Amino acid sequence: MGAALKNQENIALVDTSGDADQKSLLDALNRVQAVIEFSLDGTILNANENFLKAIGYSLLEIKGNHHSMFCEKAYAAGAEYALFWKNLNSGAVHAGEFKRLGKGGREIWINASYNPVFNE
């Protein structure tokens, strides 16, 4: 039985007075959420400490690798996984509960939201 990571109750309070900048907002989110950043091809670019603690890896161990390192091999090689990345690349948000693998193959269930961020 795997560990369950649930971050559904996290709330970010945002200063709307105009003094809060984008970095402050990101800092607030990083304090309460497990966050990982990928390129559009699934390459891991960065991850915060919350994510690294949950998954059991250091940033040096995962940076530059593909997201598939957190998935079972059969799933990562399948059509569903390819469609997952195709949909993200087209701008679709993908949210739900996902089975992932931490360091040493440890099974982890996460409630996550994959949100593409495009430069406008």
PDB file of N, CA and C in Angstrom:
ATOM      1  N   MET A   1       0.849  -1.179   0.000  1.00  0.00           N
ATOM      2  CA  MET A   1       0.000   0.000   0.000  1.00  0.00           C
ATOM      3  C   MET A   1       0.891   1.237   0.000  1.00  0.00           C
ATOM      4  N   GLY A   2       0.598   2.195  -0.841  1.00  0.00           N
ATOM      5  CA  GLY A   2       1.427   3.383  -0.985  1.00  0.00           C
ATOM      6  C   GLY A   2       0.983   4.516  -0.087  1.00  0.00           C
ATOM      7  N   ALA A   3       1.834   5.502  -0.019  1.00  0.00           N
ATOM      8  CA  ALA A   3       1.519   6.708   0.735  1.00  0.00           C
ATOM      9  C   ALA A   3       0.576   7.578  -0.081  1.00  0.00           C
ATOM     10  N   ALA A   4      -0.280   8.275   0.579  1.00  0.00           N
ATOM     11  CA  ALA A   4      -1.193   9.188  -0.110  1.00  0.00           C
ATOM     12  C   ALA A   4      -0.785  10.615   0.207  1.00  0.00           C
ATOM     13  N   LEU A   5      -0.583  11.397  -0.816  1.00  0.00           N
ATOM     14  CA  LEU A   5      -0.256  12.805  -0.649  1.00  0.00           C
ATOM     15  C   LEU A   5      -1.478  13.607  -1.031  1.00  0.00           C
ATOM     16  N   LYS A   6      -2.022  14.327  -0.107  1.00  0.00           N
ATOM     17  CA  LYS A   6      -3.235  15.082  -0.378  1.00  0.00           C
ATOM     18  C   LYS A   6      -2.994  16.540  -0.027  1.00  0.00           C
ATOM     19  N   ASN A   7      -3.102  17.406  -1.007  1.00  0.00           N
ATOM     20  CA  ASN A   7      -2.916  18.837  -0.807  1.00  0.00           C
ATOM     21  C   ASN A   7      -4.167  19.602  -1.199  1.00  0.00           C
ATOM     22  N   GLN A   8      -5.317  19.004  -1.042  1.00  0.00           N
ATOM     23  CA  GLN A   8      -6.548  19.621  -1.506  1.00  0.00           C
ATOM     24  C   GLN A   8      -6.974  20.817  -0.658  1.00  0.00           C
ATOM     25  N   GLU A   9      -6.537  20.907   0.574  1.00  0.00           N
ATOM     26  CA  GLU A   9      -7.016  21.945   1.474  1.00  0.00           C
ATOM     27  C   GLU A   9      -6.130  23.182   1.493  1.00  0.00           C
ATOM     28  N   ASN A  10      -5.073  23.217   0.711  1.00  0.00           N
ATOM     29  CA  ASN A  10      -4.172  24.358   0.728  1.00  0.00           C
ATOM     30  C   ASN A  10      -4.814  25.567   0.069  1.00  0.00           C
ATOM     31  N   ILE A  11      -4.684  26.706   0.741  1.00  0.00           N
ATOM     32  CA  ILE A  11      -5.259  27.951   0.248  1.00  0.00           C
ATOM     33  C   ILE A  11      -4.160  29.001   0.244  1.00  0.00           C
ATOM     34  N   ALA A  12      -4.040  29.724  -0.841  1.00  0.00           N
ATOM     35  CA  ALA A  12      -3.074  30.816  -0.911  1.00  0.00           C
ATOM     36  C   ALA A  12      -3.816  32.135  -0.749  1.00  0.00           C
ATOM     37  N   LEU A  13      -3.350  32.966   0.171  1.00  0.00           N
ATOM     38  CA  LEU A  13      -3.910  34.302   0.339  1.00  0.00           C
ATOM     39  C   LEU A  13      -3.082  35.248  -0.510  1.00  0.00           C
ATOM     40  N   VAL A  14      -3.744  36.036  -1.315  1.00  0.00           N
ATOM     41  CA  VAL A  14      -3.048  36.912  -2.250  1.00  0.00           C
ATOM     42  C   VAL A  14      -3.295  38.360  -1.875  1.00  0.00           C
ATOM     43  N   ASP A  15      -2.229  39.138  -1.776  1.00  0.00           N
ATOM     44  CA  ASP A  15      -2.320  40.571  -1.515  1.00  0.00           C
ATOM     45  C   ASP A  15      -2.755  41.252  -2.807  1.00  0.00           C
ATOM     46  N   THR A  16      -3.944  41.798  -2.813  1.00  0.00           N
ATOM     47  CA  THR A  16      -4.458  42.438  -4.025  1.00  0.00           C
ATOM     48  C   THR A  16      -4.278  43.950  -3.999  1.00  0.00           C
ATOM     49  N   SER A  17      -3.471  44.445  -3.073  1.00  0.00           N
ATOM     50  CA  SER A  17      -3.272  45.888  -2.972  1.00  0.00           C
ATOM     51  C   SER A  17      -2.353  46.421  -4.057  1.00  0.00           C
ATOM     52  N   GLY A  18      -1.741  45.546  -4.823  1.00  0.00           N
ATOM     53  CA  GLY A  18      -0.846  45.986  -5.883  1.00  0.00           C
ATOM     54  C   GLY A  18       0.613  45.882  -5.498  1.00  0.00           C
ATOM     55  N   ASP A  19       0.912  45.612  -4.219  1.00  0.00           N
ATOM     56  CA  ASP A  19       2.296  45.518  -3.777  1.00  0.00           C
ATOM     57  C   ASP A  19       2.882  44.124  -3.975  1.00  0.00           C
ATOM     58  N   ALA A  20       2.029  43.128  -4.085  1.00  0.00           N
ATOM     59  CA  ALA A  20       2.515  41.757  -4.260  1.00  0.00           C
ATOM     60  C   ALA A  20       2.960  41.568  -5.702  1.00  0.00           C
ATOM     61  N   ASP A  21       4.120  40.983  -5.882  1.00  0.00           N
ATOM     62  CA  ASP A  21       4.581  40.712  -7.234  1.00  0.00           C
ATOM     63  C   ASP A  21       4.478  39.218  -7.520  1.00  0.00           C
ATOM     64  N   GLN A  22       4.776  38.850  -8.727  1.00  0.00           N
ATOM     65  CA  GLN A  22       4.658  37.456  -9.146  1.00  0.00           C
ATOM     66  C   GLN A  22       5.566  36.539  -8.329  1.00  0.00           C
ATOM     67  N   LYS A  23       6.772  36.979  -8.006  1.00  0.00           N
ATOM     68  CA  LYS A  23       7.684  36.163  -7.212  1.00  0.00           C
ATOM     69  C   LYS A  23       7.106  35.891  -5.831  1.00  0.00           C
ATOM     70  N   SER A  24       6.490  36.888  -5.221  1.00  0.00           N
ATOM     71  CA  SER A  24       5.884  36.695  -3.901  1.00  0.00           C
ATOM     72  C   SER A  24       4.774  35.655  -3.951  1.00  0.00           C
ATOM     73  N   LEU A  25       3.981  35.696  -5.002  1.00  0.00           N
ATOM     74  CA  LEU A  25       2.911  34.719  -5.160  1.00  0.00           C
ATOM     75  C   LEU A  25       3.484  33.314  -5.320  1.00  0.00           C
ATOM     76  N   LEU A  26       4.506  33.178  -6.145  1.00  0.00           N
ATOM     77  CA  LEU A  26       5.140  31.869  -6.324  1.00  0.00           C
ATOM     78  C   LEU A  26       5.776  31.378  -5.029  1.00  0.00           C
ATOM     79  N   ASP A  27       6.397  32.276  -4.284  1.00  0.00           N
ATOM     80  CA  ASP A  27       6.983  31.898  -2.993  1.00  0.00           C
ATOM     81  C   ASP A  27       5.913  31.372  -2.044  1.00  0.00           C
ATOM     82  N   ALA A  28       4.757  32.023  -2.019  1.00  0.00           N
ATOM     83  CA  ALA A  28       3.660  31.584  -1.150  1.00  0.00           C
ATOM     84  C   ALA A  28       3.175  30.195  -1.547  1.00  0.00           C
ATOM     85  N   LEU A  29       3.017  29.959  -2.829  1.00  0.00           N
ATOM     86  CA  LEU A  29       2.576  28.642  -3.297  1.00  0.00           C
ATOM     87  C   LEU A  29       3.610  27.565  -2.983  1.00  0.00           C
ATOM     88  N   ASN A  30       4.875  27.886  -3.146  1.00  0.00           N
ATOM     89  CA  ASN A  30       5.933  26.911  -2.883  1.00  0.00           C
ATOM     90  C   ASN A  30       6.048  26.537  -1.411  1.00  0.00           C
ATOM     91  N   ARG A  31       5.576  27.393  -0.528  1.00  0.00           N
ATOM     92  CA  ARG A  31       5.611  27.060   0.897  1.00  0.00           C
ATOM     93  C   ARG A  31       4.606  25.972   1.255  1.00  0.00           C
ATOM     94  N   VAL A  32       3.502  25.869   0.509  1.00  0.00           N
ATOM     95  CA  VAL A  32       2.435  24.943   0.894  1.00  0.00           C
ATOM     96  C   VAL A  32       2.176  23.818  -0.105  1.00  0.00           C
ATOM     97  N   GLN A  33       2.705  23.914  -1.297  1.00  0.00           N
ATOM     98  CA  GLN A  33       2.436  22.914  -2.331  1.00  0.00           C
ATOM     99  C   GLN A  33       3.712  22.188  -2.737  1.00  0.00           C
ATOM    100  N   ALA A  34       3.544  20.951  -3.152  1.00  0.00           N
ATOM    101  CA  ALA A  34       4.624  20.224  -3.813  1.00  0.00           C
ATOM    102  C   ALA A  34       4.557  20.613  -5.285  1.00  0.00           C
ATOM    103  N   VAL A  35       5.625  21.212  -5.797  1.00  0.00           N
ATOM    104  CA  VAL A  35       5.620  21.743  -7.160  1.00  0.00           C
ATOM    105  C   VAL A  35       6.814  21.199  -7.933  1.00  0.00           C
ATOM    106  N   ILE A  36       6.541  20.760  -9.157  1.00  0.00           N
ATOM    107  CA  ILE A  36       7.601  20.332 -10.067  1.00  0.00           C
ATOM    108  C   ILE A  36       7.334  20.987 -11.416  1.00  0.00           C
ATOM    109  N   GLU A  37       8.400  21.366 -12.099  1.00  0.00           N
ATOM    110  CA  GLU A  37       8.288  22.015 -13.404  1.00  0.00           C
ATOM    111  C   GLU A  37       8.893  21.115 -14.473  1.00  0.00           C
ATOM    112  N   PHE A  38       8.180  21.020 -15.594  1.00  0.00           N
ATOM    113  CA  PHE A  38       8.623  20.213 -16.731  1.00  0.00           C
ATOM    114  C   PHE A  38       8.665  21.081 -17.983  1.00  0.00           C
ATOM    115  N   SER A  39       9.505  20.700 -18.930  1.00  0.00           N
ATOM    116  CA  SER A  39       9.405  21.278 -20.266  1.00  0.00           C
ATOM    117  C   SER A  39       8.219  20.592 -20.938  1.00  0.00           C
ATOM    118  N   LEU A  40       7.818  21.078 -22.099  1.00  0.00           N
ATOM    119  CA  LEU A  40       6.664  20.495 -22.778  1.00  0.00           C
ATOM    120  C   LEU A  40       6.905  19.068 -23.256  1.00  0.00           C
ATOM    121  N   ASP A  41       8.162  18.640 -23.295  1.00  0.00           N
ATOM    122  CA  ASP A  41       8.425  17.242 -23.668  1.00  0.00           C
ATOM    123  C   ASP A  41       8.523  16.331 -22.444  1.00  0.00           C
ATOM    124  N   GLY A  42       8.319  16.899 -21.239  1.00  0.00           N
ATOM    125  CA  GLY A  42       8.324  16.095 -20.023  1.00  0.00           C
ATOM    126  C   GLY A  42       9.636  16.080 -19.266  1.00  0.00           C
ATOM    127  N   THR A  43      10.628  16.819 -19.746  1.00  0.00           N
ATOM    128  CA  THR A  43      11.915  16.886 -19.051  1.00  0.00           C
ATOM    129  C   THR A  43      11.755  17.697 -17.768  1.00  0.00           C
ATOM    130  N   ILE A  44      12.295  17.181 -16.683  1.00  0.00           N
ATOM    131  CA  ILE A  44      12.200  17.851 -15.386  1.00  0.00           C
ATOM    132  C   ILE A  44      13.163  19.031 -15.358  1.00  0.00           C
ATOM    133  N   LEU A  45      12.613  20.218 -15.079  1.00  0.00           N
ATOM    134  CA  LEU A  45      13.405  21.443 -15.035  1.00  0.00           C
ATOM    135  C   LEU A  45      13.745  21.860 -13.612  1.00  0.00           C
ATOM    136  N   ASN A  46      12.791  21.679 -12.705  1.00  0.00           N
ATOM    137  CA  ASN A  46      12.982  22.124 -11.327  1.00  0.00           C
ATOM    138  C   ASN A  46      11.911  21.479 -10.452  1.00  0.00           C
ATOM    139  N   ALA A  47      12.154  21.445  -9.158  1.00  0.00           N
ATOM    140  CA  ALA A  47      11.170  20.954  -8.192  1.00  0.00           C
ATOM    141  C   ALA A  47      11.454  21.620  -6.855  1.00  0.00           C
ATOM    142  N   ASN A  48      10.394  21.887  -6.108  1.00  0.00           N
ATOM    143  CA  ASN A  48      10.609  22.508  -4.803  1.00  0.00           C
ATOM    144  C   ASN A  48      10.860  21.448  -3.729  1.00  0.00           C
ATOM    145  N   GLU A  49      11.227  21.916  -2.547  1.00  0.00           N
ATOM    146  CA  GLU A  49      11.560  21.003  -1.444  1.00  0.00           C
ATOM    147  C   GLU A  49      10.380  20.127  -1.043  1.00  0.00           C
ATOM    148  N   ASN A  50       9.170  20.659  -1.083  1.00  0.00           N
ATOM    149  CA  ASN A  50       7.994  19.858  -0.732  1.00  0.00           C
ATOM    150  C   ASN A  50       7.870  18.654  -1.660  1.00  0.00           C
ATOM    151  N   PHE A  51       8.068  18.880  -2.950  1.00  0.00           N
ATOM    152  CA  PHE A  51       7.990  17.776  -3.904  1.00  0.00           C
ATOM    153  C   PHE A  51       9.111  16.774  -3.651  1.00  0.00           C
ATOM    154  N   LEU A  52      10.318  17.273  -3.478  1.00  0.00           N
ATOM    155  CA  LEU A  52      11.474  16.394  -3.295  1.00  0.00           C
ATOM    156  C   LEU A  52      11.328  15.529  -2.046  1.00  0.00           C
ATOM    157  N   LYS A  53      10.824  16.099  -0.968  1.00  0.00           N
ATOM    158  CA  LYS A  53      10.601  15.319   0.259  1.00  0.00           C
ATOM    159  C   LYS A  53       9.549  14.242   0.031  1.00  0.00           C
ATOM    160  N   ALA A  54       8.496  14.581  -0.685  1.00  0.00           N
ATOM    161  CA  ALA A  54       7.410  13.628  -0.916  1.00  0.00           C
ATOM    162  C   ALA A  54       7.855  12.453  -1.769  1.00  0.00           C
ATOM    163  N   ILE A  55       8.693  12.713  -2.745  1.00  0.00           N
ATOM    164  CA  ILE A  55       9.079  11.684  -3.707  1.00  0.00           C
ATOM    165  C   ILE A  55      10.374  10.966  -3.298  1.00  0.00           C
ATOM    166  N   GLY A  56      11.155  11.604  -2.409  1.00  0.00           N
ATOM    167  CA  GLY A  56      12.344  10.958  -1.868  1.00  0.00           C
ATOM    168  C   GLY A  56      13.621  11.141  -2.667  1.00  0.00           C
ATOM    169  N   TYR A  57      13.611  12.019  -3.640  1.00  0.00           N
ATOM    170  CA  TYR A  57      14.796  12.294  -4.452  1.00  0.00           C
ATOM    171  C   TYR A  57      15.346  13.678  -4.142  1.00  0.00           C
ATOM    172  N   SER A  58      16.598  13.899  -4.526  1.00  0.00           N
ATOM    173  CA  SER A  58      17.157  15.250  -4.523  1.00  0.00           C
ATOM    174  C   SER A  58      16.944  15.840  -5.916  1.00  0.00           C
ATOM    175  N   LEU A  59      17.070  17.147  -6.025  1.00  0.00           N
ATOM    176  CA  LEU A  59      16.919  17.800  -7.322  1.00  0.00           C
ATOM    177  C   LEU A  59      17.975  17.300  -8.307  1.00  0.00           C
ATOM    178  N   LEU A  60      19.187  17.080  -7.830  1.00  0.00           N
ATOM    179  CA  LEU A  60      20.248  16.586  -8.715  1.00  0.00           C
ATOM    180  C   LEU A  60      19.915  15.217  -9.309  1.00  0.00           C
ATOM    181  N   GLU A  61      19.169  14.412  -8.572  1.00  0.00           N
ATOM    182  CA  GLU A  61      18.814  13.075  -9.050  1.00  0.00           C
ATOM    183  C   GLU A  61      17.734  13.093 -10.126  1.00  0.00           C
ATOM    184  N   ILE A  62      16.908  14.136 -10.152  1.00  0.00           N
ATOM    185  CA  ILE A  62      15.791  14.126 -11.099  1.00  0.00           C
ATOM    186  C   ILE A  62      15.917  15.142 -12.229  1.00  0.00           C
ATOM    187  N   LYS A  63      16.599  16.257 -11.989  1.00  0.00           N
ATOM    188  CA  LYS A  63      16.683  17.330 -12.991  1.00  0.00           C
ATOM    189  C   LYS A  63      17.299  16.801 -14.281  1.00  0.00           C
ATOM    190  N   GLY A  64      16.634  17.103 -15.396  1.00  0.00           N
ATOM    191  CA  GLY A  64      17.107  16.652 -16.700  1.00  0.00           C
ATOM    192  C   GLY A  64      16.547  15.307 -17.121  1.00  0.00           C
ATOM    193  N   ASN A  65      15.952  14.582 -16.189  1.00  0.00           N
ATOM    194  CA  ASN A  65      15.303  13.311 -16.515  1.00  0.00           C
ATOM    195  C   ASN A  65      13.877  13.571 -16.986  1.00  0.00           C
ATOM    196  N   HIS A  66      13.244  12.540 -17.486  1.00  0.00           N
ATOM    197  CA  HIS A  66      11.874  12.661 -17.969  1.00  0.00           C
ATOM    198  C   HIS A  66      10.882  12.310 -16.858  1.00  0.00           C
ATOM    199  N   HIS A  67       9.705  12.916 -16.914  1.00  0.00           N
ATOM    200  CA  HIS A  67       8.620  12.647 -15.969  1.00  0.00           C
ATOM    201  C   HIS A  67       8.356  11.151 -15.815  1.00  0.00           C
ATOM    202  N   SER A  68       8.592  10.388 -16.858  1.00  0.00           N
ATOM    203  CA  SER A  68       8.306   8.950 -16.839  1.00  0.00           C
ATOM    204  C   SER A  68       9.071   8.208 -15.746  1.00  0.00           C
ATOM    205  N   MET A  69      10.108   8.824 -15.184  1.00  0.00           N
ATOM    206  CA  MET A  69      10.836   8.169 -14.094  1.00  0.00           C
ATOM    207  C   MET A  69       9.946   7.958 -12.871  1.00  0.00           C
ATOM    208  N   PHE A  70       8.830   8.682 -12.797  1.00  0.00           N
ATOM    209  CA  PHE A  70       7.898   8.562 -11.681  1.00  0.00           C
ATOM    210  C   PHE A  70       6.737   7.617 -11.997  1.00  0.00           C
ATOM    211  N   CYS A  71       6.788   6.955 -13.148  1.00  0.00           N
ATOM    212  CA  CYS A  71       5.686   6.099 -13.600  1.00  0.00           C
ATOM    213  C   CYS A  71       6.157   4.664 -13.793  1.00  0.00           C
ATOM    214  N   GLU A  72       5.213   3.741 -13.692  1.00  0.00           N
ATOM    215  CA  GLU A  72       5.533   2.359 -14.020  1.00  0.00           C
ATOM    216  C   GLU A  72       5.875   2.281 -15.501  1.00  0.00           C
ATOM    217  N   LYS A  73       6.821   1.426 -15.850  1.00  0.00           N
ATOM    218  CA  LYS A  73       7.320   1.354 -17.229  1.00  0.00           C
ATOM    219  C   LYS A  73       6.222   1.054 -18.240  1.00  0.00           C
ATOM    220  N   ALA A  74       5.323   0.150 -17.917  1.00  0.00           N
ATOM    221  CA  ALA A  74       4.251  -0.207 -18.858  1.00  0.00           C
ATOM    222  C   ALA A  74       3.343   0.991 -19.128  1.00  0.00           C
ATOM    223  N   TYR A  75       3.024   1.753 -18.099  1.00  0.00           N
ATOM    224  CA  TYR A  75       2.186   2.938 -18.276  1.00  0.00           C
ATOM    225  C   TYR A  75       2.910   3.985 -19.124  1.00  0.00           C
ATOM    226  N   ALA A  76       4.178   4.235 -18.816  1.00  0.00           N
ATOM    227  CA  ALA A  76       4.950   5.253 -19.534  1.00  0.00           C
ATOM    228  C   ALA A  76       5.137   4.895 -21.007  1.00  0.00           C
ATOM    229  N   ALA A  77       5.086   3.626 -21.341  1.00  0.00           N
ATOM    230  CA  ALA A  77       5.261   3.189 -22.733  1.00  0.00           C
ATOM    231  C   ALA A  77       3.937   3.123 -23.494  1.00  0.00           C
ATOM    232  N   GLY A  78       2.831   3.386 -22.808  1.00  0.00           N
ATOM    233  CA  GLY A  78       1.522   3.191 -23.412  1.00  0.00           C
ATOM    234  C   GLY A  78       0.918   4.417 -24.073  1.00  0.00           C
ATOM    235  N   ALA A  79      -0.189   4.164 -24.760  1.00  0.00           N
ATOM    236  CA  ALA A  79      -0.904   5.215 -25.495  1.00  0.00           C
ATOM    237  C   ALA A  79      -1.515   6.254 -24.557  1.00  0.00           C
ATOM    238  N   GLU A  80      -1.982   5.832 -23.385  1.00  0.00           N
ATOM    239  CA  GLU A  80      -2.598   6.769 -22.438  1.00  0.00           C
ATOM    240  C   GLU A  80      -1.594   7.832 -21.985  1.00  0.00           C
ATOM    241  N   TYR A  81      -0.362   7.411 -21.741  1.00  0.00           N
ATOM    242  CA  TYR A  81       0.680   8.342 -21.308  1.00  0.00           C
ATOM    243  C   TYR A  81       1.062   9.297 -22.442  1.00  0.00           C
ATOM    244  N   ALA A  82       1.147   8.781 -23.654  1.00  0.00           N
ATOM    245  CA  ALA A  82       1.442   9.635 -24.816  1.00  0.00           C
ATOM    246  C   ALA A  82       0.340  10.672 -25.002  1.00  0.00           C
ATOM    247  N   LEU A  83      -0.908  10.264 -24.822  1.00  0.00           N
ATOM    248  CA  LEU A  83      -2.036  11.189 -24.943  1.00  0.00           C
ATOM    249  C   LEU A  83      -2.008  12.242 -23.836  1.00  0.00           C
ATOM    250  N   PHE A  84      -1.624  11.841 -22.640  1.00  0.00           N
ATOM    251  CA  PHE A  84      -1.472  12.762 -21.514  1.00  0.00           C
ATOM    252  C   PHE A  84      -0.554  13.922 -21.910  1.00  0.00           C
ATOM    253  N   TRP A  85       0.613  13.617 -22.479  1.00  0.00           N
ATOM    254  CA  TRP A  85       1.562  14.666 -22.872  1.00  0.00           C
ATOM    255  C   TRP A  85       1.087  15.436 -24.095  1.00  0.00           C
ATOM    256  N   LYS A  86       0.424  14.770 -25.015  1.00  0.00           N
ATOM    257  CA  LYS A  86      -0.124  15.465 -26.185  1.00  0.00           C
ATOM    258  C   LYS A  86      -1.154  16.504 -25.743  1.00  0.00           C
ATOM    259  N   ASN A  87      -2.027  16.118 -24.821  1.00  0.00           N
ATOM    260  CA  ASN A  87      -3.052  17.038 -24.322  1.00  0.00           C
ATOM    261  C   ASN A  87      -2.441  18.208 -23.560  1.00  0.00           C
ATOM    262  N   LEU A  88      -1.423  17.943 -22.742  1.00  0.00           N
ATOM    263  CA  LEU A  88      -0.750  19.038 -22.037  1.00  0.00           C
ATOM    264  C   LEU A  88      -0.136  20.017 -23.034  1.00  0.00           C
ATOM    265  N   ASN A  89       0.471  19.497 -24.078  1.00  0.00           N
ATOM    266  CA  ASN A  89       1.089  20.352 -25.094  1.00  0.00           C
ATOM    267  C   ASN A  89       0.070  21.191 -25.842  1.00  0.00           C
ATOM    268  N   SER A  90      -1.170  20.733 -25.891  1.00  0.00           N
ATOM    269  CA  SER A  90      -2.211  21.511 -26.571  1.00  0.00           C
ATOM    270  C   SER A  90      -2.871  22.514 -25.622  1.00  0.00           C
ATOM    271  N   GLY A  91      -2.435  22.532 -24.354  1.00  0.00           N
ATOM    272  CA  GLY A  91      -2.950  23.510 -23.399  1.00  0.00           C
ATOM    273  C   GLY A  91      -3.963  22.976 -22.412  1.00  0.00           C
ATOM    274  N   ALA A  92      -4.289  21.700 -22.483  1.00  0.00           N
ATOM    275  CA  ALA A  92      -5.280  21.117 -21.577  1.00  0.00           C
ATOM    276  C   ALA A  92      -4.692  20.921 -20.180  1.00  0.00           C
ATOM    277  N   VAL A  93      -5.492  21.223 -19.176  1.00  0.00           N
ATOM    278  CA  VAL A  93      -5.129  20.954 -17.785  1.00  0.00           C
ATOM    279  C   VAL A  93      -5.553  19.530 -17.473  1.00  0.00           C
ATOM    280  N   HIS A  94      -4.723  18.816 -16.740  1.00  0.00           N
ATOM    281  CA  HIS A  94      -5.037  17.437 -16.377  1.00  0.00           C
ATOM    282  C   HIS A  94      -4.943  17.330 -14.859  1.00  0.00           C
ATOM    283  N   ALA A  95      -6.062  17.051 -14.215  1.00  0.00           N
ATOM    284  CA  ALA A  95      -6.091  16.973 -12.756  1.00  0.00           C
ATOM    285  C   ALA A  95      -6.734  15.669 -12.322  1.00  0.00           C
ATOM    286  N   GLY A  96      -6.301  15.172 -11.171  1.00  0.00           N
ATOM    287  CA  GLY A  96      -6.880  13.960 -10.627  1.00  0.00           C
ATOM    288  C   GLY A  96      -5.951  13.294  -9.647  1.00  0.00           C
ATOM    289  N   GLU A  97      -6.233  12.039  -9.377  1.00  0.00           N
ATOM    290  CA  GLU A  97      -5.387  11.239  -8.501  1.00  0.00           C
ATOM    291  C   GLU A  97      -4.528  10.347  -9.383  1.00  0.00           C
ATOM    292  N   PHE A  98      -3.228  10.330  -9.119  1.00  0.00           N
ATOM    293  CA  PHE A  98      -2.283   9.619  -9.970  1.00  0.00           C
ATOM    294  C   PHE A  98      -1.381   8.718  -9.137  1.00  0.00           C
ATOM    295  N   LYS A  99      -1.128   7.537  -9.668  1.00  0.00           N
ATOM    296  CA  LYS A  99      -0.142   6.649  -9.056  1.00  0.00           C
ATOM    297  C   LYS A  99       1.220   7.031  -9.609  1.00  0.00           C
ATOM    298  N   ARG A 100       2.150   7.289  -8.728  1.00  0.00           N
ATOM    299  CA  ARG A 100       3.512   7.624  -9.121  1.00  0.00           C
ATOM    300  C   ARG A 100       4.479   6.788  -8.295  1.00  0.00           C
ATOM    301  N   LEU A 101       5.723   6.750  -8.738  1.00  0.00           N
ATOM    302  CA  LEU A 101       6.755   5.991  -8.050  1.00  0.00           C
ATOM    303  C   LEU A 101       7.807   6.937  -7.503  1.00  0.00           C
ATOM    304  N   GLY A 102       8.091   6.805  -6.224  1.00  0.00           N
ATOM    305  CA  GLY A 102       9.150   7.577  -5.597  1.00  0.00           C
ATOM    306  C   GLY A 102      10.462   6.819  -5.687  1.00  0.00           C
ATOM    307  N   LYS A 103      11.438   7.327  -5.005  1.00  0.00           N
ATOM    308  CA  LYS A 103      12.765   6.708  -4.996  1.00  0.00           C
ATOM    309  C   LYS A 103      12.661   5.264  -4.517  1.00  0.00           C
ATOM    310  N   GLY A 104      13.368   4.399  -5.200  1.00  0.00           N
ATOM    311  CA  GLY A 104      13.349   2.987  -4.850  1.00  0.00           C
ATOM    312  C   GLY A 104      12.091   2.263  -5.302  1.00  0.00           C
ATOM    313  N   GLY A 105      11.282   2.919  -6.152  1.00  0.00           N
ATOM    314  CA  GLY A 105      10.058   2.293  -6.632  1.00  0.00           C
ATOM    315  C   GLY A 105       8.897   2.361  -5.659  1.00  0.00           C
ATOM    316  N   ARG A 106       9.035   3.184  -4.617  1.00  0.00           N
ATOM    317  CA  ARG A 106       7.977   3.328  -3.610  1.00  0.00           C
ATOM    318  C   ARG A 106       6.718   3.894  -4.254  1.00  0.00           C
ATOM    319  N   GLU A 107       5.596   3.214  -4.079  1.00  0.00           N
ATOM    320  CA  GLU A 107       4.319   3.648  -4.649  1.00  0.00           C
ATOM    321  C   GLU A 107       3.779   4.846  -3.880  1.00  0.00           C
ATOM    322  N   ILE A 108       3.409   5.874  -4.628  1.00  0.00           N
ATOM    323  CA  ILE A 108       2.858   7.099  -4.050  1.00  0.00           C
ATOM    324  C   ILE A 108       1.616   7.476  -4.848  1.00  0.00           C
ATOM    325  N   TRP A 109       0.551   7.818  -4.157  1.00  0.00           N
ATOM    326  CA  TRP A 109      -0.661   8.323  -4.809  1.00  0.00           C
ATOM    327  C   TRP A 109      -0.742   9.812  -4.528  1.00  0.00           C
ATOM    328  N   ILE A 110      -0.908  10.590  -5.586  1.00  0.00           N
ATOM    329  CA  ILE A 110      -0.965  12.043  -5.434  1.00  0.00           C
ATOM    330  C   ILE A 110      -2.252  12.592  -6.036  1.00  0.00           C
ATOM    331  N   ASN A 111      -2.761  13.636  -5.435  1.00  0.00           N
ATOM    332  CA  ASN A 111      -3.793  14.468  -6.050  1.00  0.00           C
ATOM    333  C   ASN A 111      -3.032  15.615  -6.672  1.00  0.00           C
ATOM    334  N   ALA A 112      -3.104  15.714  -7.983  1.00  0.00           N
ATOM    335  CA  ALA A 112      -2.262  16.688  -8.670  1.00  0.00           C
ATOM    336  C   ALA A 112      -3.019  17.371  -9.791  1.00  0.00           C
ATOM    337  N   SER A 113      -2.482  18.502 -10.171  1.00  0.00           N
ATOM    338  CA  SER A 113      -2.986  19.246 -11.311  1.00  0.00           C
ATOM    339  C   SER A 113      -1.791  19.597 -12.184  1.00  0.00           C
ATOM    340  N   TYR A 114      -1.819  19.118 -13.426  1.00  0.00           N
ATOM    341  CA  TYR A 114      -0.787  19.444 -14.406  1.00  0.00           C
ATOM    342  C   TYR A 114      -1.316  20.618 -15.218  1.00  0.00           C
ATOM    343  N   ASN A 115      -0.640  21.751 -15.112  1.00  0.00           N
ATOM    344  CA  ASN A 115      -1.112  22.990 -15.729  1.00  0.00           C
ATOM    345  C   ASN A 115      -0.059  23.542 -16.677  1.00  0.00           C
ATOM    346  N   PRO A 116      -0.305  23.488 -17.972  1.00  0.00           N
ATOM    347  CA  PRO A 116       0.660  24.075 -18.906  1.00  0.00           C
ATOM    348  C   PRO A 116       0.742  25.588 -18.711  1.00  0.00           C
ATOM    349  N   VAL A 117       1.946  26.111 -18.785  1.00  0.00           N
ATOM    350  CA  VAL A 117       2.169  27.552 -18.691  1.00  0.00           C
ATOM    351  C   VAL A 117       2.844  27.968 -19.989  1.00  0.00           C
ATOM    352  N   PHE A 118       2.180  28.829 -20.728  1.00  0.00           N
ATOM    353  CA  PHE A 118       2.706  29.284 -22.011  1.00  0.00           C
ATOM    354  C   PHE A 118       3.073  30.751 -21.921  1.00  0.00           C
ATOM    355  N   ASN A 119       4.177  31.133 -22.554  1.00  0.00           N
ATOM    356  CA  ASN A 119       4.541  32.545 -22.658  1.00  0.00           C
ATOM    357  C   ASN A 119       3.609  33.192 -23.662  1.00  0.00           C
ATOM    358  N   GLU A 120       3.042  34.314 -23.274  1.00  0.00           N
ATOM    359  CA  GLU A 120       2.108  34.994 -24.185  1.00  0.00           C
ATOM    360  C   GLU A 120       2.775  36.136 -24.895  1.00  0.00           C
TER     361      GLU A 120
END
